[in-house]
């Protein structure tokens, strides 16, 4: 019997009404538009794309910070897209989020101990405050911080240390799935590798599954088992990490990979970079056909008129007319 996904997202749509005036023309931002993918147990699903493509909105919709307008989010065999109240609270115990900005995501008026204990109190984990404090000390050790940090405030820590505190808070309720929303983008390069290694070690020890959101395809390739590439709210390519990284199918994925810096100057000179012309179209008024058709060097008239449907090509999913028979 094949293993079932821990998370299965089908035809998910998250729209926002941004109409400014009572008598103004209705304007809808299609932040996530008909996205489907699966995440298996103990797996990391990497999500990449340019700023504004809908990655963070997708992550926040999955943890129910935003409500979808359509589609299903099946977690541990149950559709949680429309959960409310006590059922939603129970679900949130099993799925947590690590936020992008370690400076804005921690309450500056609370000590590290209070920040990490708060989710335990909300979800009634452990019977006494002493048990919770012992768990906080253990979590601090797991993320590479010292026990005496428990009495300090976020302002006394560096960005990397604050992100470790955010990771400890996410682990406080013993979740099964964590959405990592660009957890390293606000950190120095020297610290990024430390946080990535920490996340990988925690995953192995605790058997967690991750949705890892980032801009950097090379970093996503390092940590992910599968990669999904988003553009203007759509999933344009999806497959195993090695396949997507070394043999991209979609022209947008190829362009993203060409922009990755290469440390060897000779190799970098020989590499041809694909420069995408123009700006990303507005999600309020997207193109009629393929969302990438306005910037794609291989676009045809069909691409500008007809939306490509996701199809399987060599074990991968790609939404591009170039691969349709």
Protein backbone atom coordinates (compact mmCIF):
# COMPACT_ATOMS: atom_id res chain seq x y z
CA UNK A 1 0.00 0.00 0.00
CA UNK A 2 1.42 3.40 -0.99
CA UNK A 3 1.95 6.00 1.71
CA UNK A 4 -0.71 8.71 1.93
CA UNK A 5 0.18 12.42 1.87
CA UNK A 6 0.20 14.28 5.18
CA UNK A 7 -1.04 17.33 3.23
CA UNK A 8 -3.04 17.30 0.01
CA UNK A 9 -4.03 20.62 -1.58
CA UNK A 10 -6.47 20.57 -4.49
CA UNK A 11 -7.59 23.47 -6.73
CA UNK A 12 -6.92 26.01 -3.99
CA UNK A 13 -7.91 29.61 -4.65
CA UNK A 14 -7.29 32.58 -2.35
CA UNK A 15 -8.62 35.92 -3.59
CA UNK A 16 -8.66 39.37 -1.97
CA UNK A 17 -11.14 42.15 -2.65
CA UNK A 18 -9.08 45.37 -3.01
CA UNK A 19 -11.89 47.60 -4.29
CA UNK A 20 -11.15 51.09 -2.90
CA UNK A 21 -14.43 52.95 -3.09
CA UNK A 22 -18.12 52.18 -2.70
CA UNK A 23 -18.84 53.08 -6.32
CA UNK A 24 -15.52 51.91 -7.76
CA UNK A 25 -15.16 49.01 -10.13
CA UNK A 26 -14.73 45.76 -8.24
CA UNK A 27 -11.08 44.65 -8.12
CA UNK A 28 -10.03 41.15 -7.06
CA UNK A 29 -6.44 40.03 -6.49
CA UNK A 30 -6.05 36.36 -7.41
CA UNK A 31 -3.13 35.67 -5.07
CA UNK A 32 -3.44 31.87 -5.30
CA UNK A 33 -5.28 30.56 -8.33
CA UNK A 34 -6.09 26.85 -8.73
CA UNK A 35 -3.02 25.33 -7.03
CA UNK A 36 -2.71 21.59 -6.30
CA UNK A 37 0.13 19.59 -4.69
CA UNK A 38 0.89 16.89 -2.09
CA UNK A 39 3.40 16.70 0.76
CA UNK A 40 4.35 13.26 2.05
CA UNK A 41 5.27 12.40 5.68
CA UNK A 42 8.87 13.34 6.61
CA UNK A 43 9.19 15.24 3.32
CA UNK A 44 10.18 18.82 2.51
CA UNK A 45 8.23 20.47 -0.31
CA UNK A 46 10.08 23.56 -1.55
CA UNK A 47 8.12 26.47 -3.01
CA UNK A 48 9.94 29.09 -5.11
CA UNK A 49 9.13 32.10 -7.26
CA UNK A 50 9.57 35.85 -7.50
CA UNK A 51 8.14 38.27 -4.95
CA UNK A 52 4.40 38.63 -5.38
CA UNK A 53 3.87 35.20 -6.95
CA UNK A 54 1.65 33.99 -4.06
CA UNK A 55 4.06 31.77 -2.10
CA UNK A 56 3.45 33.35 1.31
CA UNK A 57 -0.31 33.64 0.69
CA UNK A 58 -0.40 29.92 -0.12
CA UNK A 59 1.48 29.09 3.10
CA UNK A 60 -0.78 31.30 5.21
CA UNK A 61 -3.88 29.82 3.62
CA UNK A 62 -2.71 26.31 4.50
CA UNK A 63 -2.31 27.27 8.18
CA UNK A 64 -5.67 29.06 8.00
CA UNK A 65 -4.44 32.60 8.56
CA UNK A 66 -6.30 33.32 5.31
CA UNK A 67 -9.52 31.65 4.19
CA UNK A 68 -9.63 30.12 0.70
CA UNK A 69 -12.50 31.00 -1.60
CA UNK A 70 -12.42 27.59 -3.26
CA UNK A 71 -10.61 24.25 -3.12
CA UNK A 72 -9.65 21.74 -0.45
CA UNK A 73 -6.82 21.46 2.10
CA UNK A 74 -6.72 17.87 3.29
CA UNK A 75 -4.48 17.42 6.34
CA UNK A 76 -4.07 13.98 7.92
CA UNK A 77 -7.03 12.77 5.88
CA UNK A 78 -9.44 15.58 6.82
CA UNK A 79 -10.47 18.60 4.75
CA UNK A 80 -9.74 21.59 6.98
CA UNK A 81 -10.43 24.37 4.43
CA UNK A 82 -13.60 25.49 6.21
CA UNK A 83 -12.85 24.61 9.83
CA UNK A 84 -13.81 27.09 12.55
CA UNK A 85 -13.61 27.38 16.33
CA UNK A 86 -12.47 24.42 18.43
CA UNK A 87 -11.84 22.20 15.39
CA UNK A 88 -9.55 24.82 13.89
CA UNK A 89 -7.69 25.21 17.20
CA UNK A 90 -7.02 21.46 17.34
CA UNK A 91 -5.74 21.51 13.76
CA UNK A 92 -3.36 24.38 14.48
CA UNK A 93 -1.67 22.33 17.16
CA UNK A 94 -0.50 19.90 14.47
CA UNK A 95 0.59 22.58 11.99
CA UNK A 96 2.76 25.55 12.88
CA UNK A 97 4.53 28.35 11.01
CA UNK A 98 8.00 29.90 11.11
CA UNK A 99 7.70 33.49 9.92
CA UNK A 100 10.05 35.38 7.61
CA UNK A 101 10.95 38.31 9.85
CA UNK A 102 12.49 37.24 13.18
CA UNK A 103 12.31 40.84 14.40
CA UNK A 104 8.58 41.38 13.81
CA UNK A 105 7.31 37.89 14.68
CA UNK A 106 8.35 37.93 18.36
CA UNK A 107 6.57 40.02 21.01
CA UNK A 108 9.22 42.45 22.34
CA UNK A 109 7.43 42.71 25.71
CA UNK A 110 7.62 38.99 26.44
CA UNK A 111 10.64 37.01 27.58
CA UNK A 112 11.89 34.08 25.52
CA UNK A 113 10.38 31.70 28.08
CA UNK A 114 6.97 33.38 27.85
CA UNK A 115 7.07 33.37 24.03
CA UNK A 116 7.77 29.64 23.83
CA UNK A 117 5.37 28.72 26.67
CA UNK A 118 2.43 30.65 25.23
CA UNK A 119 1.40 27.98 22.65
CA UNK A 120 1.67 25.30 25.34
CA UNK A 121 -0.76 27.26 27.52
CA UNK A 122 -3.18 27.90 24.62
CA UNK A 123 -3.30 24.20 23.72
CA UNK A 124 -3.23 22.91 27.32
CA UNK A 125 0.03 21.01 26.94
CA UNK A 126 1.68 19.89 30.21
CA UNK A 127 -0.06 20.17 33.57
CA UNK A 128 2.17 22.57 35.48
CA UNK A 129 4.24 25.65 34.76
CA UNK A 130 7.34 23.77 35.92
CA UNK A 131 6.80 21.10 33.27
CA UNK A 132 6.38 23.79 30.64
CA UNK A 133 9.54 25.57 31.77
CA UNK A 134 11.49 22.30 31.59
CA UNK A 135 10.20 21.82 28.04
CA UNK A 136 11.24 25.39 27.15
CA UNK A 137 14.78 24.71 28.38
CA UNK A 138 14.85 21.51 26.32
CA UNK A 139 13.65 23.36 23.20
CA UNK A 140 16.28 26.06 23.68
CA UNK A 141 18.92 23.34 23.77
CA UNK A 142 17.48 21.73 20.61
CA UNK A 143 17.71 25.00 18.66
CA UNK A 144 21.21 25.78 19.91
CA UNK A 145 20.49 28.38 22.61
CA UNK A 146 21.41 28.37 26.31
CA UNK A 147 19.04 27.69 29.25
CA UNK A 148 19.76 31.11 30.79
CA UNK A 149 18.31 32.77 27.66
CA UNK A 150 14.85 31.92 29.03
CA UNK A 151 14.70 35.18 31.05
CA UNK A 152 15.90 37.48 28.27
CA UNK A 153 13.91 39.58 25.79
CA UNK A 154 14.04 39.36 21.95
CA UNK A 155 15.88 42.70 21.70
CA UNK A 156 18.90 41.09 23.38
CA UNK A 157 19.42 38.61 20.52
CA UNK A 158 20.79 38.69 16.98
CA UNK A 159 18.63 37.94 13.94
CA UNK A 160 19.83 34.34 13.75
CA UNK A 161 19.15 33.78 17.44
CA UNK A 162 15.67 35.27 17.13
CA UNK A 163 14.87 32.93 14.28
CA UNK A 164 15.98 30.03 16.49
CA UNK A 165 13.53 31.30 19.11
CA UNK A 166 10.82 31.32 16.43
CA UNK A 167 11.69 27.73 15.55
CA UNK A 168 11.52 26.72 19.23
CA UNK A 169 8.08 28.35 19.50
CA UNK A 170 6.87 26.40 16.46
CA UNK A 171 8.11 23.15 18.04
CA UNK A 172 6.50 23.88 21.42
CA UNK A 173 3.23 22.09 20.61
CA UNK A 174 4.88 19.04 18.97
CA UNK A 175 3.51 19.69 15.46
CA UNK A 176 3.55 17.25 12.58
CA UNK A 177 3.89 19.86 9.83
CA UNK A 178 5.63 23.26 9.70
CA UNK A 179 5.27 25.99 7.08
CA UNK A 180 8.67 27.73 6.83
CA UNK A 181 7.93 31.11 5.24
CA UNK A 182 11.31 32.31 3.94
CA UNK A 183 12.93 31.61 7.34
CA UNK A 184 16.43 32.59 6.18
CA UNK A 185 15.84 35.56 3.83
CA UNK A 186 16.25 38.16 6.60
CA UNK A 187 19.48 36.59 7.91
CA UNK A 188 23.15 37.04 7.01
CA UNK A 189 24.52 34.49 4.55
CA UNK A 190 26.83 33.08 7.23
CA UNK A 191 23.81 32.37 9.46
CA UNK A 192 21.55 30.97 6.74
CA UNK A 193 23.41 27.65 6.50
CA UNK A 194 23.23 27.22 10.29
CA UNK A 195 19.44 27.65 10.30
CA UNK A 196 19.02 25.29 7.32
CA UNK A 197 21.15 22.62 9.04
CA UNK A 198 19.14 23.11 12.23
CA UNK A 199 15.85 22.60 10.37
CA UNK A 200 17.19 19.45 8.70
CA UNK A 201 18.40 17.99 12.01
CA UNK A 202 15.08 18.73 13.73
CA UNK A 203 13.20 17.09 10.85
CA UNK A 204 15.24 13.89 11.19
CA UNK A 205 14.88 13.78 14.98
CA UNK A 206 11.15 14.56 15.14
CA UNK A 207 9.85 13.14 11.85
CA UNK A 208 8.42 16.46 10.65
CA UNK A 209 7.19 17.52 7.22
CA UNK A 210 7.96 21.00 5.86
CA UNK A 211 6.58 23.41 3.32
CA UNK A 212 9.72 25.48 2.70
CA UNK A 213 9.11 28.83 0.98
CA UNK A 214 12.08 30.76 -0.47
CA UNK A 215 13.38 32.85 -3.38
CA UNK A 216 16.69 31.00 -3.68
CA UNK A 217 16.32 27.92 -5.88
CA UNK A 218 19.76 26.59 -4.93
CA UNK A 219 18.88 26.70 -1.22
CA UNK A 220 15.50 25.11 -1.86
CA UNK A 221 17.18 22.36 -3.88
CA UNK A 222 19.51 21.66 -0.93
CA UNK A 223 16.75 21.14 1.63
CA UNK A 224 13.79 19.93 -0.46
CA UNK A 225 12.66 16.53 -1.71
CA UNK A 226 10.24 18.09 -4.20
CA UNK A 227 10.03 21.59 -5.66
CA UNK A 228 7.05 23.61 -6.84
CA UNK A 229 7.59 26.75 -8.95
CA UNK A 230 4.94 29.48 -8.68
CA UNK A 231 4.24 32.40 -10.99
CA UNK A 232 1.42 34.91 -10.57
CA UNK A 233 -0.61 32.62 -8.30
CA UNK A 234 -0.18 29.49 -10.45
CA UNK A 235 1.98 26.39 -10.02
CA UNK A 236 3.85 26.24 -13.34
CA UNK A 237 6.18 23.30 -12.61
CA UNK A 238 6.49 20.65 -9.93
CA UNK A 239 8.67 17.59 -9.47
CA UNK A 240 11.56 15.97 -7.66
CA UNK A 241 14.20 18.43 -6.51
CA UNK A 242 17.04 17.00 -8.65
CA UNK A 243 14.88 16.90 -11.79
CA UNK A 244 13.60 20.46 -11.50
CA UNK A 245 17.04 21.84 -10.64
CA UNK A 246 19.07 20.03 -13.31
CA UNK A 247 16.47 19.56 -16.07
CA UNK A 248 13.89 22.37 -15.88
CA UNK A 249 10.93 22.15 -18.25
CA UNK A 250 9.06 25.44 -17.90
CA UNK A 251 10.73 28.54 -19.41
CA UNK A 252 10.19 30.41 -16.13
CA UNK A 253 12.01 27.73 -14.12
CA UNK A 254 14.88 27.88 -16.63
CA UNK A 255 15.10 31.66 -16.20
CA UNK A 256 15.15 31.37 -12.39
CA UNK A 257 17.96 28.80 -12.53
CA UNK A 258 20.01 30.96 -14.90
CA UNK A 259 20.02 33.74 -12.28
CA UNK A 260 21.68 31.61 -9.56
CA UNK A 261 25.19 32.97 -8.84
CA UNK A 262 28.14 30.64 -9.55
CA UNK A 263 31.23 31.00 -7.33
CA UNK A 264 33.68 29.95 -10.09
CA UNK A 265 34.35 33.02 -12.35
CA UNK A 266 35.28 30.90 -15.40
CA UNK A 267 32.12 28.81 -15.14
CA UNK A 268 30.04 31.94 -14.55
CA UNK A 269 31.40 33.57 -17.74
CA UNK A 270 30.49 30.53 -19.81
CA UNK A 271 26.97 30.46 -18.42
CA UNK A 272 24.30 32.36 -20.35
CA UNK A 273 21.76 34.14 -18.22
CA UNK A 274 18.18 34.54 -19.39
CA UNK A 275 16.99 38.11 -18.86
CA UNK A 276 13.23 38.33 -18.56
CA UNK A 277 11.88 41.49 -20.17
CA UNK A 278 9.06 43.48 -18.62
CA UNK A 279 7.34 43.39 -15.24
CA UNK A 280 5.18 40.73 -13.64
CA UNK A 281 1.56 41.40 -14.71
CA UNK A 282 -0.87 42.68 -12.11
CA UNK A 283 -2.74 39.89 -10.27
CA UNK A 284 -5.79 42.17 -10.49
CA UNK A 285 -5.71 42.03 -14.28
CA UNK A 286 -3.76 38.90 -15.30
CA UNK A 287 -3.18 37.93 -18.96
CA UNK A 288 -5.95 36.04 -20.74
CA UNK A 289 -3.77 33.03 -21.53
CA UNK A 290 -0.62 31.75 -19.83
CA UNK A 291 0.34 34.10 -16.97
CA UNK A 292 3.98 33.98 -18.12
CA UNK A 293 3.21 34.75 -21.79
CA UNK A 294 4.00 38.49 -21.44
CA UNK A 295 7.62 37.73 -20.49
CA UNK A 296 8.28 34.30 -21.99
CA UNK A 297 10.85 34.21 -24.85
CA UNK A 298 9.08 31.15 -26.31
CA UNK A 299 5.51 32.47 -26.16
CA UNK A 300 3.21 31.88 -29.14
CA UNK A 301 -0.18 33.33 -30.01
CA UNK A 302 -1.81 30.30 -28.39
CA UNK A 303 0.03 31.08 -25.15
CA UNK A 304 -1.43 34.60 -25.15
CA UNK A 305 -4.97 33.36 -25.68
CA UNK A 306 -5.29 30.00 -23.91
CA UNK A 307 -4.40 29.03 -20.32
CA UNK A 308 -2.23 25.86 -20.30
CA UNK A 309 -3.42 23.02 -18.10
CA UNK A 310 -1.00 21.08 -15.84
CA UNK A 311 0.14 17.86 -17.51
CA UNK A 312 2.57 15.11 -16.55
CA UNK A 313 5.87 15.05 -18.44
CA UNK A 314 8.52 12.53 -17.42
CA UNK A 315 7.23 12.19 -13.87
CA UNK A 316 6.81 15.94 -13.42
CA UNK A 317 3.87 18.32 -13.62
CA UNK A 318 4.25 21.32 -15.94
CA UNK A 319 1.74 23.90 -17.18
CA UNK A 320 3.08 24.90 -20.61
CA UNK A 321 1.79 24.57 -24.17
CA UNK A 322 5.28 23.56 -25.35
CA UNK A 323 4.73 20.07 -23.89
CA UNK A 324 1.15 19.46 -24.99
CA UNK A 325 0.66 16.93 -27.76
